[in-house]
């Protein structure tokens, strides 16, 4: 399980150091793809295969299912860590998430998310303001508060 929030920087060549706490969970190879809300999603291979199977089973006759699968898979790239614990983020993925230099890498249970510092701070402050309201709406989800 991935959890926590770490701030890192992308170098001029598009390389990003993955936090040491996340490296073992990612394994040798993992997948980075376009995420939702303006970030990138990072999946270890077993989780990616589960997700790929679910998406493959969506009805291809539905336009929304085809559109989402195109978006999600066309942006996907297989990555591996170099000896310094870095990954190379392709330009198309950096552009999608507006990644320039300063980024946040956050653990979200079964995946990691990579956010532009500015986008994450905006999103986080807005979400924090409605955190209690969101918790109340999740009636079937008892989180022990």
C-alpha atoms as a PDB file:
ATOM      1  CA  UNK A   1       0.000   0.000   0.000  1.00  0.00           C
ATOM      2  CA  UNK A   2       1.252   3.462  -0.886  1.00  0.00           C
ATOM      3  CA  UNK A   3       0.731   6.416   1.442  1.00  0.00           C
ATOM      4  CA  UNK A   4       2.390   9.700   2.224  1.00  0.00           C
ATOM      5  CA  UNK A   5       3.298  12.908   0.447  1.00  0.00           C
ATOM      6  CA  UNK A   6       6.785  13.770  -0.800  1.00  0.00           C
ATOM      7  CA  UNK A   7       8.131  16.806  -2.606  1.00  0.00           C
ATOM      8  CA  UNK A   8      10.791  16.318  -5.290  1.00  0.00           C
ATOM      9  CA  UNK A   9      12.083  18.035  -8.421  1.00  0.00           C
ATOM     10  CA  UNK A  10      12.325  17.060 -12.071  1.00  0.00           C
ATOM     11  CA  UNK A  11      15.712  17.720 -13.642  1.00  0.00           C
ATOM     12  CA  UNK A  12      16.340  19.319 -17.056  1.00  0.00           C
ATOM     13  CA  UNK A  13      16.280  15.894 -18.735  1.00  0.00           C
ATOM     14  CA  UNK A  14      12.816  15.022 -17.356  1.00  0.00           C
ATOM     15  CA  UNK A  15      14.070  12.652 -14.652  1.00  0.00           C
ATOM     16  CA  UNK A  16      12.349  12.388 -11.289  1.00  0.00           C
ATOM     17  CA  UNK A  17      13.679  10.720  -8.147  1.00  0.00           C
ATOM     18  CA  UNK A  18      11.085   8.374  -6.683  1.00  0.00           C
ATOM     19  CA  UNK A  19      10.897   8.489  -2.887  1.00  0.00           C
ATOM     20  CA  UNK A  20      12.800   5.600  -1.303  1.00  0.00           C
ATOM     21  CA  UNK A  21       9.654   4.555   0.607  1.00  0.00           C
ATOM     22  CA  UNK A  22       7.874   3.869  -2.710  1.00  0.00           C
ATOM     23  CA  UNK A  23      10.650   2.120  -4.643  1.00  0.00           C
ATOM     24  CA  UNK A  24      10.224  -1.385  -3.202  1.00  0.00           C
ATOM     25  CA  UNK A  25       6.467  -1.289  -3.739  1.00  0.00           C
ATOM     26  CA  UNK A  26       6.895  -0.344  -7.386  1.00  0.00           C
ATOM     27  CA  UNK A  27       9.147  -3.251  -8.251  1.00  0.00           C
ATOM     28  CA  UNK A  28      11.561  -3.419 -11.189  1.00  0.00           C
ATOM     29  CA  UNK A  29       9.061  -2.188 -13.779  1.00  0.00           C
ATOM     30  CA  UNK A  30       5.868  -0.196 -13.372  1.00  0.00           C
ATOM     31  CA  UNK A  31       3.474   1.903 -15.444  1.00  0.00           C
ATOM     32  CA  UNK A  32       2.960   5.662 -15.500  1.00  0.00           C
ATOM     33  CA  UNK A  33      -0.076   7.062 -17.315  1.00  0.00           C
ATOM     34  CA  UNK A  34      -2.283  10.121 -17.605  1.00  0.00           C
ATOM     35  CA  UNK A  35      -4.326  10.430 -14.451  1.00  0.00           C
ATOM     36  CA  UNK A  36      -7.438  12.328 -13.520  1.00  0.00           C
ATOM     37  CA  UNK A  37      -7.631  15.780 -11.929  1.00  0.00           C
ATOM     38  CA  UNK A  38      -4.461  16.907 -13.720  1.00  0.00           C
ATOM     39  CA  UNK A  39      -1.933  14.423 -12.328  1.00  0.00           C
ATOM     40  CA  UNK A  40      -0.151  11.243 -13.397  1.00  0.00           C
ATOM     41  CA  UNK A  41      -1.025   7.797 -12.058  1.00  0.00           C
ATOM     42  CA  UNK A  42       1.719   5.268 -11.257  1.00  0.00           C
ATOM     43  CA  UNK A  43       0.871   1.555 -10.908  1.00  0.00           C
ATOM     44  CA  UNK A  44       3.035  -1.402  -9.973  1.00  0.00           C
ATOM     45  CA  UNK A  45       2.696  -4.141 -12.606  1.00  0.00           C
ATOM     46  CA  UNK A  46       0.271  -6.446 -10.750  1.00  0.00           C
ATOM     47  CA  UNK A  47      -2.119  -3.571 -10.057  1.00  0.00           C
ATOM     48  CA  UNK A  48      -1.781  -2.377 -13.669  1.00  0.00           C
ATOM     49  CA  UNK A  49      -2.745  -5.827 -14.947  1.00  0.00           C
ATOM     50  CA  UNK A  50      -5.864  -5.859 -12.727  1.00  0.00           C
ATOM     51  CA  UNK A  51      -6.857  -2.433 -14.002  1.00  0.00           C
ATOM     52  CA  UNK A  52      -6.109  -3.379 -17.613  1.00  0.00           C
ATOM     53  CA  UNK A  53      -8.368  -6.424 -17.308  1.00  0.00           C
ATOM     54  CA  UNK A  54     -11.214  -4.320 -15.891  1.00  0.00           C
ATOM     55  CA  UNK A  55     -10.903  -1.778 -18.686  1.00  0.00           C
ATOM     56  CA  UNK A  56     -10.646  -4.500 -21.330  1.00  0.00           C
ATOM     57  CA  UNK A  57     -13.968  -5.878 -20.093  1.00  0.00           C
ATOM     58  CA  UNK A  58     -15.788  -2.583 -20.586  1.00  0.00           C
ATOM     59  CA  UNK A  59     -18.231  -2.751 -23.502  1.00  0.00           C
ATOM     60  CA  UNK A  60     -16.417  -1.461 -26.589  1.00  0.00           C
ATOM     61  CA  UNK A  61     -19.808  -0.546 -28.062  1.00  0.00           C
ATOM     62  CA  UNK A  62     -20.049   2.321 -25.531  1.00  0.00           C
ATOM     63  CA  UNK A  63     -18.432   5.544 -26.737  1.00  0.00           C
ATOM     64  CA  UNK A  64     -17.471   6.630 -23.217  1.00  0.00           C
ATOM     65  CA  UNK A  65     -15.684   3.329 -22.550  1.00  0.00           C
ATOM     66  CA  UNK A  66     -13.738   3.587 -25.826  1.00  0.00           C
ATOM     67  CA  UNK A  67     -12.818   7.219 -25.160  1.00  0.00           C
ATOM     68  CA  UNK A  68     -11.590   6.519 -21.627  1.00  0.00           C
ATOM     69  CA  UNK A  69      -9.575   3.467 -22.707  1.00  0.00           C
ATOM     70  CA  UNK A  70      -7.932   5.467 -25.506  1.00  0.00           C
ATOM     71  CA  UNK A  71      -7.025   8.288 -23.147  1.00  0.00           C
ATOM     72  CA  UNK A  72      -5.764   6.000 -20.409  1.00  0.00           C
ATOM     73  CA  UNK A  73      -3.728   3.538 -22.510  1.00  0.00           C
ATOM     74  CA  UNK A  74      -2.359   5.968 -25.078  1.00  0.00           C
ATOM     75  CA  UNK A  75      -0.594   7.875 -22.332  1.00  0.00           C
ATOM     76  CA  UNK A  76       0.759   4.799 -20.568  1.00  0.00           C
ATOM     77  CA  UNK A  77       4.455   4.036 -20.506  1.00  0.00           C
ATOM     78  CA  UNK A  78       6.443   1.305 -18.799  1.00  0.00           C
ATOM     79  CA  UNK A  79       9.158   2.701 -16.539  1.00  0.00           C
ATOM     80  CA  UNK A  80      12.003   1.397 -14.448  1.00  0.00           C
ATOM     81  CA  UNK A  81      14.224   3.035 -11.883  1.00  0.00           C
ATOM     82  CA  UNK A  82      17.824   3.873 -12.758  1.00  0.00           C
ATOM     83  CA  UNK A  83      20.666   3.308 -10.279  1.00  0.00           C
ATOM     84  CA  UNK A  84      19.925   6.664  -8.599  1.00  0.00           C
ATOM     85  CA  UNK A  85      16.227   5.800  -8.103  1.00  0.00           C
ATOM     86  CA  UNK A  86      15.027   8.077 -10.907  1.00  0.00           C
ATOM     87  CA  UNK A  87      12.503   7.600 -13.689  1.00  0.00           C
ATOM     88  CA  UNK A  88      12.379   9.397 -17.017  1.00  0.00           C
ATOM     89  CA  UNK A  89       8.976  10.998 -17.560  1.00  0.00           C
ATOM     90  CA  UNK A  90       8.123  11.398 -21.257  1.00  0.00           C
ATOM     91  CA  UNK A  91       7.281  14.889 -22.490  1.00  0.00           C
ATOM     92  CA  UNK A  92       3.637  14.027 -23.227  1.00  0.00           C
ATOM     93  CA  UNK A  93       3.079  12.956 -19.612  1.00  0.00           C
ATOM     94  CA  UNK A  94       4.913  15.979 -18.193  1.00  0.00           C
ATOM     95  CA  UNK A  95       2.765  18.210 -20.412  1.00  0.00           C
ATOM     96  CA  UNK A  96      -0.462  16.477 -19.346  1.00  0.00           C
ATOM     97  CA  UNK A  97       0.248  17.082 -15.653  1.00  0.00           C
ATOM     98  CA  UNK A  98       1.861  20.517 -16.173  1.00  0.00           C
ATOM     99  CA  UNK A  99       5.057  19.228 -14.559  1.00  0.00           C
ATOM    100  CA  UNK A 100       7.890  21.737 -14.690  1.00  0.00           C
ATOM    101  CA  UNK A 101      10.332  21.434 -11.806  1.00  0.00           C
ATOM    102  CA  UNK A 102       8.719  21.066  -8.377  1.00  0.00           C
ATOM    103  CA  UNK A 103       6.361  18.115  -7.942  1.00  0.00           C
ATOM    104  CA  UNK A 104       4.536  16.194  -5.249  1.00  0.00           C
ATOM    105  CA  UNK A 105       4.428  12.415  -5.277  1.00  0.00           C
ATOM    106  CA  UNK A 106       1.610  11.092  -3.141  1.00  0.00           C
ATOM    107  CA  UNK A 107       0.614   7.583  -2.132  1.00  0.00           C
ATOM    108  CA  UNK A 108      -3.045   6.760  -2.736  1.00  0.00           C
ATOM    109  CA  UNK A 109      -3.419   3.153  -1.567  1.00  0.00           C
ATOM    110  CA  UNK A 110      -2.921   1.069  -4.736  1.00  0.00           C
ATOM    111  CA  UNK A 111      -1.242   3.780  -6.824  1.00  0.00           C
ATOM    112  CA  UNK A 112       0.998   6.811  -6.696  1.00  0.00           C
ATOM    113  CA  UNK A 113       0.077  10.187  -8.104  1.00  0.00           C
ATOM    114  CA  UNK A 114       2.545  12.742  -9.450  1.00  0.00           C
ATOM    115  CA  UNK A 115       1.340  16.337  -9.266  1.00  0.00           C
ATOM    116  CA  UNK A 116       2.717  19.707 -10.215  1.00  0.00           C
ATOM    117  CA  UNK A 117       3.449  21.556  -6.971  1.00  0.00           C
ATOM    118  CA  UNK A 118       1.110  24.418  -7.895  1.00  0.00           C
ATOM    119  CA  UNK A 119      -1.731  22.168  -9.066  1.00  0.00           C
ATOM    120  CA  UNK A 120      -1.432  19.927  -5.979  1.00  0.00           C
ATOM    121  CA  UNK A 121      -1.459  22.873  -3.582  1.00  0.00           C
ATOM    122  CA  UNK A 122      -4.566  24.337  -5.267  1.00  0.00           C
ATOM    123  CA  UNK A 123      -6.334  20.980  -5.354  1.00  0.00           C
ATOM    124  CA  UNK A 124      -5.345  20.114  -1.797  1.00  0.00           C
ATOM    125  CA  UNK A 125      -6.532  23.414  -0.321  1.00  0.00           C
ATOM    126  CA  UNK A 126      -9.882  23.149  -2.112  1.00  0.00           C
ATOM    127  CA  UNK A 127     -10.348  19.516  -1.094  1.00  0.00           C
ATOM    128  CA  UNK A 128      -9.397  20.247   2.506  1.00  0.00           C
ATOM    129  CA  UNK A 129     -12.165  22.831   2.732  1.00  0.00           C
ATOM    130  CA  UNK A 130     -14.776  20.192   1.820  1.00  0.00           C
ATOM    131  CA  UNK A 131     -13.154  17.177   3.516  1.00  0.00           C
ATOM    132  CA  UNK A 132     -15.840  16.806   6.190  1.00  0.00           C
ATOM    133  CA  UNK A 133     -18.638  17.255   3.667  1.00  0.00           C
ATOM    134  CA  UNK A 134     -17.117  14.546   1.465  1.00  0.00           C
ATOM    135  CA  UNK A 135     -16.848  12.203   4.457  1.00  0.00           C
ATOM    136  CA  UNK A 136     -20.531  12.732   5.254  1.00  0.00           C
ATOM    137  CA  UNK A 137     -21.544  11.899   1.667  1.00  0.00           C
ATOM    138  CA  UNK A 138     -19.768   8.548   1.844  1.00  0.00           C
ATOM    139  CA  UNK A 139     -22.559   7.028   3.940  1.00  0.00           C
ATOM    140  CA  UNK A 140     -21.646   3.396   3.239  1.00  0.00           C
ATOM    141  CA  UNK A 141     -17.999   3.966   4.019  1.00  0.00           C
ATOM    142  CA  UNK A 142     -17.234   3.802   7.735  1.00  0.00           C
ATOM    143  CA  UNK A 143     -13.747   5.191   8.309  1.00  0.00           C
ATOM    144  CA  UNK A 144     -13.946   5.048  12.085  1.00  0.00           C
ATOM    145  CA  UNK A 145     -14.326   8.727  12.938  1.00  0.00           C
END
